[in-house]
Amino acid sequence: MVLKNKVSGVDRRQFSALLAAAGIASSRSLLGGDPGDPETLHLSRNGWVPNNDRLPVLLYHGALDLSGTDPASGFERIFQQNSWPPQWRNGIYDFHHYHSTAHEVLGIAAGNARVVLGGPGGHELTLSGGDVVVLPTGTGHCRLQASPDFLVVGAYPPQQSWDICRKAPSQIERDRMHSLPFPASDPVRGSGGPLTRLWQIPQPKSGG
């Protein structure tokens, strides 16, 4: 599966508008989600990359209007007010890696890039200015190519900070990822946002 910002050369928001004008619901609406819900991507273990088969990657297209002289500050304000304190402005590393100590949100403040999620041979997608991608702990990611002006704001839930893992997790790292606290809010839409619904661990069924 490849997630892209374009559908046959038409912007996704334009495509959704065309569907609405024709009286056709988007697949997101047919699934019962809010029209503003992010796309989701479920990734299972891939070689040495653990990914996170319990929690999906969340992808918001065009989450932020990039008008203004410092779009990165807009992402920082949104993330901060939604309890995901920003920690850096930079890019995305050009090698496969994951984080065992934190969930991560990436806000694309400028430019565009092709990235792979899920480790070598994983899922390729294009990120463009205004997009937001939320990566649960363990999710492999790597930049393949980027425009010269590519700029990312990285943020994490409170009391979480990133590490860099480039090999299969140890038992300590596996336990840490499994027990890492969930964020209390969605980094884009705050308390009660899609993340709080989509990041839920199914409870085991009771016997009877």
Protein backbone atom coordinates (compact mmCIF):
# COMPACT_ATOMS: atom_id res chain seq x y z
CA MET A 1 0.00 0.00 0.00
CA VAL A 2 1.37 3.43 -0.93
CA LEU A 3 -0.06 6.59 0.60
CA LYS A 4 0.25 9.69 -1.58
CA ASN A 5 -0.94 13.29 -1.51
CA LYS A 6 -2.33 13.07 -5.01
CA VAL A 7 -5.11 11.03 -6.58
CA SER A 8 -4.60 10.87 -10.37
CA GLY A 9 -3.05 14.35 -10.33
CA VAL A 10 -5.83 15.84 -8.20
CA ASP A 11 -5.23 17.11 -4.67
CA ARG A 12 -7.01 14.91 -2.08
CA ARG A 13 -9.07 17.82 -0.81
CA GLN A 14 -10.17 18.65 -4.37
CA PHE A 15 -10.91 14.98 -4.96
CA SER A 16 -13.08 14.81 -1.82
CA ALA A 17 -14.92 17.95 -2.91
CA LEU A 18 -15.60 16.41 -6.32
CA LEU A 19 -16.97 13.29 -4.67
CA ALA A 20 -19.17 15.35 -2.38
CA ALA A 21 -20.51 17.36 -5.32
CA ALA A 22 -21.41 14.09 -7.03
CA GLY A 23 -23.11 12.79 -3.89
CA ILE A 24 -20.47 10.12 -3.27
CA ALA A 25 -18.95 9.63 0.18
CA SER A 26 -15.22 9.15 0.54
CA SER A 27 -13.95 5.81 1.81
CA ARG A 28 -13.11 7.48 5.13
CA SER A 29 -16.75 8.54 5.58
CA LEU A 30 -18.01 5.12 4.50
CA LEU A 31 -15.94 3.61 7.26
CA GLY A 32 -17.72 5.81 9.78
CA GLY A 33 -14.84 8.21 10.44
CA ASP A 34 -15.04 11.97 10.63
CA PRO A 35 -14.16 13.65 7.27
CA GLY A 36 -11.25 15.29 9.06
CA ASP A 37 -9.89 12.02 10.42
CA PRO A 38 -6.34 11.06 9.45
CA GLU A 39 -5.50 8.18 7.17
CA THR A 40 -4.23 5.14 9.05
CA LEU A 41 -1.53 2.64 8.23
CA HIS A 42 -1.04 -0.58 10.20
CA LEU A 43 2.49 -1.95 10.13
CA SER A 44 3.64 -5.32 11.39
CA ARG A 45 7.19 -6.42 12.19
CA ASN A 46 9.57 -6.22 9.24
CA GLY A 47 12.91 -7.95 9.75
CA TRP A 48 14.81 -6.10 12.49
CA VAL A 49 12.28 -3.24 12.55
CA PRO A 50 9.60 -3.97 15.18
CA ASN A 51 7.01 -1.42 14.01
CA ASN A 52 3.85 -1.39 16.10
CA ASP A 53 1.10 -3.83 15.17
CA ARG A 54 -1.10 -2.55 18.00
CA LEU A 55 -1.16 1.15 17.04
CA PRO A 56 -1.56 2.62 13.53
CA VAL A 57 0.46 5.38 11.93
CA LEU A 58 -1.74 8.47 11.50
CA LEU A 59 -1.38 10.74 8.46
CA TYR A 60 -3.04 14.14 8.22
CA HIS A 61 -2.90 15.75 4.78
CA GLY A 62 -2.72 19.56 4.74
CA ALA A 63 -3.27 19.88 8.48
CA LEU A 64 -1.76 23.38 8.66
CA ASP A 65 -2.01 26.47 6.44
CA LEU A 66 1.57 27.35 5.60
CA SER A 67 0.95 31.04 4.98
CA GLY A 68 3.19 33.35 6.99
CA THR A 69 6.92 33.82 7.36
CA ASP A 70 7.55 31.02 9.86
CA PRO A 71 5.25 28.00 9.31
CA ALA A 72 7.36 25.91 11.69
CA SER A 73 6.26 28.11 14.58
CA GLY A 74 2.64 27.33 13.68
CA PHE A 75 3.31 23.61 14.09
CA GLU A 76 5.13 24.26 17.35
CA ARG A 77 2.18 26.21 18.74
CA ILE A 78 -0.34 23.54 17.74
CA PHE A 79 1.75 20.69 19.10
CA GLN A 80 2.47 22.56 22.33
CA GLN A 81 -1.16 23.45 23.00
CA ASN A 82 -2.16 19.83 22.35
CA SER A 83 0.37 18.51 24.89
CA TRP A 84 3.00 17.31 22.43
CA PRO A 85 5.97 19.58 23.30
CA PRO A 86 8.13 20.26 20.22
CA GLN A 87 11.81 19.33 20.58
CA TRP A 88 13.46 20.15 17.26
CA ARG A 89 13.40 21.58 13.75
CA ASN A 90 15.35 19.63 11.15
CA GLY A 91 14.65 16.89 8.59
CA ILE A 92 14.24 13.10 8.58
CA TYR A 93 17.31 10.86 8.71
CA ASP A 94 18.24 9.11 5.47
CA PHE A 95 18.67 5.74 7.19
CA HIS A 96 16.11 3.30 8.57
CA HIS A 97 15.55 3.72 12.29
CA TYR A 98 12.87 3.72 14.96
CA HIS A 99 12.37 5.08 18.48
CA SER A 100 11.93 2.83 21.52
CA THR A 101 11.50 5.62 24.08
CA ALA A 102 8.82 7.81 22.49
CA HIS A 103 5.88 8.21 20.18
CA GLU A 104 6.67 10.90 17.59
CA VAL A 105 4.78 13.47 15.53
CA LEU A 106 6.37 15.09 12.48
CA GLY A 107 4.95 18.33 11.09
CA ILE A 108 6.11 19.19 7.56
CA ALA A 109 6.77 22.93 7.72
CA ALA A 110 8.23 23.35 4.21
CA GLY A 111 9.12 21.44 1.08
CA ASN A 112 8.38 17.80 0.40
CA ALA A 113 10.02 14.40 0.72
CA ARG A 114 9.64 10.76 -0.18
CA VAL A 115 9.91 8.56 2.88
CA VAL A 116 9.58 4.88 3.72
CA LEU A 117 7.72 3.72 6.82
CA GLY A 118 8.12 0.26 8.27
CA GLY A 119 11.76 -0.47 7.48
CA PRO A 120 13.55 -1.68 4.32
CA GLY A 121 11.07 -2.49 1.56
CA GLY A 122 8.30 -0.88 3.59
CA HIS A 123 5.58 1.60 2.65
CA GLU A 124 6.65 4.58 0.57
CA LEU A 125 4.75 7.85 0.77
CA THR A 126 5.17 11.50 -0.08
CA LEU A 127 5.00 14.14 2.64
CA SER A 128 4.36 17.76 1.66
CA GLY A 129 4.19 21.08 3.45
CA GLY A 130 1.29 21.18 5.88
CA ASP A 131 1.15 17.40 6.40
CA VAL A 132 1.44 15.70 9.79
CA VAL A 133 2.44 12.09 10.43
CA VAL A 134 2.15 10.47 13.87
CA LEU A 135 4.46 7.51 14.45
CA PRO A 136 3.83 5.12 17.34
CA THR A 137 6.93 3.86 19.09
CA GLY A 138 8.82 1.22 17.11
CA THR A 139 7.77 2.53 13.69
CA GLY A 140 10.62 2.44 11.18
CA HIS A 141 11.12 5.54 9.05
CA CYS A 142 13.69 6.76 6.53
CA ARG A 143 13.98 9.66 4.07
CA LEU A 144 14.58 8.63 0.46
CA GLN A 145 14.62 12.04 -1.19
CA ALA A 146 13.75 15.60 -0.20
CA SER A 147 13.51 19.07 -1.69
CA PRO A 148 16.23 21.53 -0.62
CA ASP A 149 13.78 23.46 1.57
CA PHE A 150 12.42 20.41 3.40
CA LEU A 151 11.81 21.29 7.06
CA VAL A 152 10.22 19.22 9.81
CA VAL A 153 9.08 20.00 13.35
CA GLY A 154 9.40 17.02 15.69
CA ALA A 155 7.39 16.69 18.90
CA TYR A 156 6.71 14.06 21.56
CA PRO A 157 4.33 13.47 24.47
CA PRO A 158 5.37 14.91 27.85
CA GLN A 159 8.27 13.13 29.57
CA GLN A 160 9.17 11.31 26.36
CA SER A 161 12.29 11.96 24.30
CA TRP A 162 13.66 10.19 21.26
CA ASP A 163 16.43 7.66 20.90
CA ILE A 164 17.75 6.15 17.66
CA CYS A 165 17.52 2.38 17.14
CA ARG A 166 19.06 0.76 14.07
CA LYS A 167 18.92 -2.92 14.99
CA ALA A 168 16.43 -5.41 16.38
CA PRO A 169 15.19 -4.41 19.82
CA SER A 170 16.53 -6.02 22.95
CA GLN A 171 14.12 -7.48 25.49
CA ILE A 172 14.46 -4.28 27.51
CA GLU A 173 13.54 -2.17 24.48
CA ARG A 174 10.59 -4.43 23.62
CA ASP A 175 9.27 -4.16 27.17
CA ARG A 176 9.77 -0.40 27.13
CA MET A 177 7.82 0.05 23.88
CA HIS A 178 5.03 -2.23 25.09
CA SER A 179 4.59 -0.25 28.31
CA LEU A 180 5.15 3.27 26.92
CA PRO A 181 2.28 5.50 28.07
CA PHE A 182 -0.29 6.61 25.52
CA PRO A 183 -0.55 10.33 24.72
CA ALA A 184 -3.49 12.05 26.38
CA SER A 185 -4.40 14.00 23.24
CA ASP A 186 -4.12 14.11 19.46
CA PRO A 187 -1.24 16.41 18.37
CA VAL A 188 -3.40 18.05 15.69
CA ARG A 189 -6.89 18.06 17.18
CA GLY A 190 -6.26 17.90 20.89
CA SER A 191 -8.18 16.16 23.66
CA GLY A 192 -10.79 13.82 22.24
CA GLY A 193 -9.16 13.92 18.78
CA PRO A 194 -8.82 10.91 16.46
CA LEU A 195 -5.69 9.54 18.13
CA THR A 196 -7.58 8.97 21.39
CA ARG A 197 -10.04 6.76 19.47
CA LEU A 198 -7.67 5.09 17.05
CA TRP A 199 -4.91 4.27 19.54
CA GLN A 200 -6.76 1.80 21.74
CA ILE A 201 -5.56 -1.64 22.74
CA PRO A 202 -8.33 -4.23 22.27
CA GLN A 203 -9.35 -5.71 25.60
CA PRO A 204 -9.34 -9.54 25.83
CA LYS A 205 -12.77 -11.10 25.72
CA SER A 206 -13.94 -12.55 29.00
CA GLY A 207 -14.77 -16.22 29.08
CA GLY A 208 -18.36 -17.38 29.38
